C-alpha atoms as a PDB file:
ATOM      1  CA  MET A   1       7.076  49.739  46.736  1.00  0.00           C
ATOM      2  CA  LYS A   2       8.399  51.768  43.805  1.00  0.00           C
ATOM      3  CA  LYS A   3       9.908  54.273  46.227  1.00  0.00           C
ATOM      4  CA  TYR A   4      11.856  51.540  48.026  1.00  0.00           C
ATOM      5  CA  ILE A   5      13.215  50.099  44.798  1.00  0.00           C
ATOM      6  CA  PHE A   6      14.243  53.565  43.628  1.00  0.00           C
ATOM      7  CA  LEU A   7      15.920  54.241  46.996  1.00  0.00           C
ATOM      8  CA  ILE A   8      17.914  50.991  46.839  1.00  0.00           C
ATOM      9  CA  ILE A   9      19.022  51.643  43.257  1.00  0.00           C
ATOM     10  CA  SER A  10      20.092  55.194  44.053  1.00  0.00           C
ATOM     11  CA  LEU A  11      22.087  54.056  47.113  1.00  0.00           C
ATOM     12  CA  ILE A  12      23.900  51.388  45.103  1.00  0.00           C
ATOM     13  CA  THR A  13      24.689  53.928  42.385  1.00  0.00           C
ATOM     14  CA  GLN A  14      26.039  56.433  44.897  1.00  0.00           C
ATOM     15  CA  ILE A  15      28.201  53.825  46.599  1.00  0.00           C
ATOM     16  CA  SER A  16      29.645  52.385  43.407  1.00  0.00           C
ATOM     17  CA  PHE A  17      30.011  55.511  41.265  1.00  0.00           C
ATOM     18  CA  GLY A  18      30.135  58.331  43.810  1.00  0.00           C
ATOM     19  CA  GLN A  19      33.862  58.052  44.457  1.00  0.00           C
ATOM     20  CA  ASP A  20      36.004  61.034  43.598  1.00  0.00           C
ATOM     21  CA  LEU A  21      39.629  60.715  42.656  1.00  0.00           C
ATOM     22  CA  ILE A  22      41.310  63.723  44.226  1.00  0.00           C
ATOM     23  CA  LYS A  23      44.772  64.684  45.318  1.00  0.00           C
ATOM     24  CA  ARG A  24      45.048  63.905  49.003  1.00  0.00           C
ATOM     25  CA  VAL A  25      48.608  64.685  50.046  1.00  0.00           C
ATOM     26  CA  ASP A  26      51.244  66.972  48.634  1.00  0.00           C
ATOM     27  CA  SER A  27      54.206  67.205  50.963  1.00  0.00           C
ATOM     28  CA  ILE A  28      58.006  67.240  51.116  1.00  0.00           C
ATOM     29  CA  ASP A  29      59.912  65.122  53.608  1.00  0.00           C
ATOM     30  CA  GLU A  30      62.417  67.506  55.203  1.00  0.00           C
ATOM     31  CA  PHE A  31      64.900  64.706  55.944  1.00  0.00           C
ATOM     32  CA  THR A  32      64.977  62.946  52.569  1.00  0.00           C
ATOM     33  CA  GLY A  33      63.801  65.710  50.235  1.00  0.00           C
ATOM     34  CA  VAL A  34      61.221  63.396  48.682  1.00  0.00           C
ATOM     35  CA  ARG A  35      58.107  65.175  47.446  1.00  0.00           C
ATOM     36  CA  GLU A  36      55.033  63.004  47.774  1.00  0.00           C
ATOM     37  CA  ILE A  37      51.684  63.424  46.031  1.00  0.00           C
ATOM     38  CA  GLU A  38      48.912  60.880  46.598  1.00  0.00           C
ATOM     39  CA  THR A  39      45.339  60.271  45.495  1.00  0.00           C
ATOM     40  CA  ASN A  40      42.551  59.099  47.725  1.00  0.00           C
ATOM     41  CA  ALA A  41      41.692  55.407  47.644  1.00  0.00           C
ATOM     42  CA  ILE A  42      38.795  54.140  45.535  1.00  0.00           C
ATOM     43  CA  TRP A  43      37.301  50.711  44.891  1.00  0.00           C
ATOM     44  CA  VAL A  44      38.025  49.877  41.245  1.00  0.00           C
ATOM     45  CA  ALA A  45      37.340  46.182  40.653  1.00  0.00           C
ATOM     46  CA  SER A  46      35.011  43.456  41.858  1.00  0.00           C
ATOM     47  CA  ARG A  47      34.672  39.695  41.547  1.00  0.00           C
ATOM     48  CA  GLY A  48      30.951  39.678  42.286  1.00  0.00           C
ATOM     49  CA  ASN A  49      28.089  42.012  42.912  1.00  0.00           C
ATOM     50  CA  LEU A  50      28.304  45.071  45.120  1.00  0.00           C
ATOM     51  CA  LEU A  51      26.954  43.406  48.247  1.00  0.00           C
ATOM     52  CA  ASN A  52      28.613  39.981  48.420  1.00  0.00           C
ATOM     53  CA  GLY A  53      31.607  39.952  46.094  1.00  0.00           C
ATOM     54  CA  GLY A  54      35.224  40.670  46.897  1.00  0.00           C
ATOM     55  CA  ASN A  55      36.500  44.088  45.885  1.00  0.00           C
ATOM     56  CA  LEU A  56      39.834  45.659  45.044  1.00  0.00           C
ATOM     57  CA  ARG A  57      40.855  49.157  46.141  1.00  0.00           C
ATOM     58  CA  PHE A  58      43.564  51.260  44.467  1.00  0.00           C
ATOM     59  CA  GLU A  59      45.413  54.315  45.676  1.00  0.00           C
ATOM     60  CA  MET A  60      48.333  55.831  43.815  1.00  0.00           C
ATOM     61  CA  GLY A  61      51.178  58.079  44.829  1.00  0.00           C
ATOM     62  CA  ARG A  62      53.853  59.890  42.886  1.00  0.00           C
ATOM     63  CA  TYR A  63      57.229  60.458  44.445  1.00  0.00           C
ATOM     64  CA  PHE A  64      59.804  62.993  43.307  1.00  0.00           C
ATOM     65  CA  LEU A  65      63.362  62.517  44.498  1.00  0.00           C
ATOM     66  CA  LYS A  66      65.794  65.426  44.458  1.00  0.00           C
ATOM     67  CA  ILE A  67      68.581  63.149  43.249  1.00  0.00           C
ATOM     68  CA  ASP A  68      68.593  62.971  39.423  1.00  0.00           C
ATOM     69  CA  SER A  69      64.976  64.247  39.323  1.00  0.00           C
ATOM     70  CA  LEU A  70      63.781  60.658  39.598  1.00  0.00           C
ATOM     71  CA  GLU A  71      60.010  60.156  39.545  1.00  0.00           C
ATOM     72  CA  THR A  72      58.275  57.019  40.756  1.00  0.00           C
ATOM     73  CA  TYR A  73      54.637  55.937  40.736  1.00  0.00           C
ATOM     74  CA  ALA A  74      53.568  53.613  43.523  1.00  0.00           C
ATOM     75  CA  LEU A  75      50.260  51.744  43.337  1.00  0.00           C
ATOM     76  CA  ARG A  76      48.790  50.705  46.689  1.00  0.00           C
ATOM     77  CA  VAL A  77      46.418  47.759  46.467  1.00  0.00           C
ATOM     78  CA  VAL A  78      44.011  46.399  49.081  1.00  0.00           C
ATOM     79  CA  SER A  79      41.533  43.557  48.664  1.00  0.00           C
ATOM     80  CA  SER A  80      38.448  42.829  50.719  1.00  0.00           C
ATOM     81  CA  ASP A  81      39.245  39.131  50.148  1.00  0.00           C
ATOM     82  CA  ILE A  82      41.591  37.424  52.593  1.00  0.00           C
ATOM     83  CA  LEU A  83      44.507  36.405  50.367  1.00  0.00           C
ATOM     84  CA  GLY A  84      47.411  36.315  52.804  1.00  0.00           C
ATOM     85  CA  CYS A  85      50.188  38.713  53.688  1.00  0.00           C
ATOM     86  CA  ALA A  86      51.287  41.940  52.035  1.00  0.00           C
ATOM     87  CA  GLY A  87      55.003  42.387  51.408  1.00  0.00           C
ATOM     88  CA  SER A  88      55.612  38.739  50.525  1.00  0.00           C
ATOM     89  CA  ASP A  89      57.976  37.906  47.667  1.00  0.00           C
ATOM     90  CA  ARG A  90      55.235  35.658  46.180  1.00  0.00           C
ATOM     91  CA  ASN A  91      52.791  38.537  45.696  1.00  0.00           C
ATOM     92  CA  TYR A  92      51.923  39.994  42.312  1.00  0.00           C
ATOM     93  CA  ILE A  93      49.324  41.972  40.414  1.00  0.00           C
ATOM     94  CA  HIS A  94      48.564  41.179  36.777  1.00  0.00           C
ATOM     95  CA  PHE A  95      46.531  43.487  34.527  1.00  0.00           C
ATOM     96  CA  LEU A  96      44.702  42.131  31.461  1.00  0.00           C
ATOM     97  CA  PHE A  97      43.730  44.807  28.963  1.00  0.00           C
ATOM     98  CA  GLU A  98      40.739  44.826  26.613  1.00  0.00           C
ATOM     99  CA  ASP A  99      43.060  44.417  23.604  1.00  0.00           C
ATOM    100  CA  GLY A 100      44.324  41.070  24.987  1.00  0.00           C
ATOM    101  CA  THR A 101      47.740  42.330  26.143  1.00  0.00           C
ATOM    102  CA  SER A 102      48.804  42.253  29.782  1.00  0.00           C
ATOM    103  CA  VAL A 103      51.373  43.543  32.246  1.00  0.00           C
ATOM    104  CA  LYS A 104      52.479  41.951  35.514  1.00  0.00           C
ATOM    105  CA  TYR A 105      54.198  43.468  38.542  1.00  0.00           C
ATOM    106  CA  ASP A 106      55.663  41.028  41.020  1.00  0.00           C
ATOM    107  CA  ASN A 107      57.801  43.048  43.386  1.00  0.00           C
ATOM    108  CA  ASP A 108      55.550  43.932  46.344  1.00  0.00           C
ATOM    109  CA  LYS A 109      57.215  46.773  48.247  1.00  0.00           C
ATOM    110  CA  GLY A 110      54.580  46.845  50.986  1.00  0.00           C
ATOM    111  CA  ARG A 111      55.399  46.255  54.626  1.00  0.00           C
ATOM    112  CA  LEU A 112      55.118  42.641  55.682  1.00  0.00           C
ATOM    113  CA  SER A 113      51.651  42.433  57.228  1.00  0.00           C
ATOM    114  CA  CYS A 114      49.214  39.550  57.579  1.00  0.00           C
ATOM    115  CA  LYS A 115      46.320  41.602  58.934  1.00  0.00           C
ATOM    116  CA  ASP A 116      43.016  41.887  57.103  1.00  0.00           C
ATOM    117  CA  TYR A 117      43.117  44.574  54.414  1.00  0.00           C
ATOM    118  CA  SER A 118      46.915  44.518  54.310  1.00  0.00           C
ATOM    119  CA  GLU A 119      48.306  46.842  51.662  1.00  0.00           C
ATOM    120  CA  SER A 120      50.600  45.722  48.842  1.00  0.00           C
ATOM    121  CA  VAL A 121      52.652  48.386  47.061  1.00  0.00           C
ATOM    122  CA  TYR A 122      53.914  48.079  43.487  1.00  0.00           C
ATOM    123  CA  ILE A 123      56.199  50.448  41.585  1.00  0.00           C
ATOM    124  CA  ILE A 124      54.515  50.782  38.190  1.00  0.00           C
ATOM    125  CA  ASN A 125      55.388  52.319  34.846  1.00  0.00           C
ATOM    126  CA  GLU A 126      52.975  54.847  33.356  1.00  0.00           C
ATOM    127  CA  ASN A 127      53.903  53.739  29.815  1.00  0.00           C
ATOM    128  CA  ASP A 128      52.569  50.229  30.464  1.00  0.00           C
ATOM    129  CA  PHE A 129      49.057  51.710  30.696  1.00  0.00           C
ATOM    130  CA  ALA A 130      49.203  54.267  27.862  1.00  0.00           C
ATOM    131  CA  ASP A 131      46.149  53.992  25.598  1.00  0.00           C
ATOM    132  CA  LYS A 132      45.011  50.810  27.391  1.00  0.00           C
ATOM    133  CA  LYS A 133      41.719  49.927  29.065  1.00  0.00           C
ATOM    134  CA  ILE A 134      41.890  47.462  31.926  1.00  0.00           C
ATOM    135  CA  ASP A 135      39.495  44.540  31.622  1.00  0.00           C
ATOM    136  CA  LYS A 136      40.551  42.285  34.499  1.00  0.00           C
ATOM    137  CA  VAL A 137      43.011  42.199  37.373  1.00  0.00           C
ATOM    138  CA  ARG A 138      44.542  39.142  39.024  1.00  0.00           C
ATOM    139  CA  TYR A 139      45.758  39.990  42.516  1.00  0.00           C
ATOM    140  CA  CYS A 140      47.833  37.479  44.468  1.00  0.00           C
ATOM    141  CA  GLN A 141      49.170  37.610  47.975  1.00  0.00           C
ATOM    142  CA  SER A 142      51.023  34.928  49.938  1.00  0.00           C
ATOM    143  CA  GLU A 143      48.073  32.570  50.451  1.00  0.00           C
ATOM    144  CA  GLY A 144      46.062  32.858  47.250  1.00  0.00           C
ATOM    145  CA  CYS A 145      44.928  34.694  44.141  1.00  0.00           C
ATOM    146  CA  GLN A 146      41.685  36.258  43.039  1.00  0.00           C
ATOM    147  CA  ASP A 147      40.514  37.549  39.667  1.00  0.00           C
ATOM    148  CA  TYR A 148      38.558  40.796  39.510  1.00  0.00           C
ATOM    149  CA  LYS A 149      36.616  42.555  36.763  1.00  0.00           C
ATOM    150  CA  TRP A 150      37.419  46.269  36.380  1.00  0.00           C
ATOM    151  CA  THR A 151      34.160  47.968  37.375  1.00  0.00           C
ATOM    152  CA  SER A 152      35.233  51.537  38.064  1.00  0.00           C
ATOM    153  CA  LEU A 153      34.362  54.418  35.787  1.00  0.00           C
ATOM    154  CA  VAL A 154      37.809  55.764  36.710  1.00  0.00           C
ATOM    155  CA  SER A 155      40.675  54.497  34.540  1.00  0.00           C
ATOM    156  CA  LEU A 156      44.260  54.132  35.687  1.00  0.00           C
ATOM    157  CA  ASP A 157      45.050  57.025  33.328  1.00  0.00           C
ATOM    158  CA  ALA A 158      42.968  59.227  35.614  1.00  0.00           C
ATOM    159  CA  PHE A 159      45.269  58.321  38.522  1.00  0.00           C
ATOM    160  CA  PHE A 160      48.319  59.319  36.459  1.00  0.00           C
ATOM    161  CA  ASN A 161      46.651  62.518  35.203  1.00  0.00           C
ATOM    162  CA  ILE A 162      45.727  63.801  38.630  1.00  0.00           C
ATOM    163  CA  LEU A 163      49.281  63.291  39.849  1.00  0.00           C
ATOM    164  CA  ASN A 164      50.852  65.203  36.959  1.00  0.00           C
END
């Protein structure tokens, strides 16, 4: 019996903490000149336990434009909850930090899609997250909102750091 309990605990630990944040893509679009660097996607927040709660997945990309050396960070967000359509003008993501401050992004740049696991995309500012620890995330798509507790050992700073 002890072996089974140990096996279950080790599987849960590997699933929840065994995610690596690595650089996935580093390419230049030959037509636009945009250099794109992206991380892999990891599950970062949950509204319940590992087995029956909704989860939130983040993936981040950094885009370098040749014109004016403009740099942009794009955060891709996917929820396992069915909240509606990505790309809607009603969508937003709101971060609540441990110090009580918050930041909200409400301009979803994702493609309009109402499929399950549709991906919202937000252009975010690295300075909004400097020296901050995320406590909770409210994620809203066209049909509803859900609050999530940040459960990942990976901070948003780690996303920025790997892209620099």
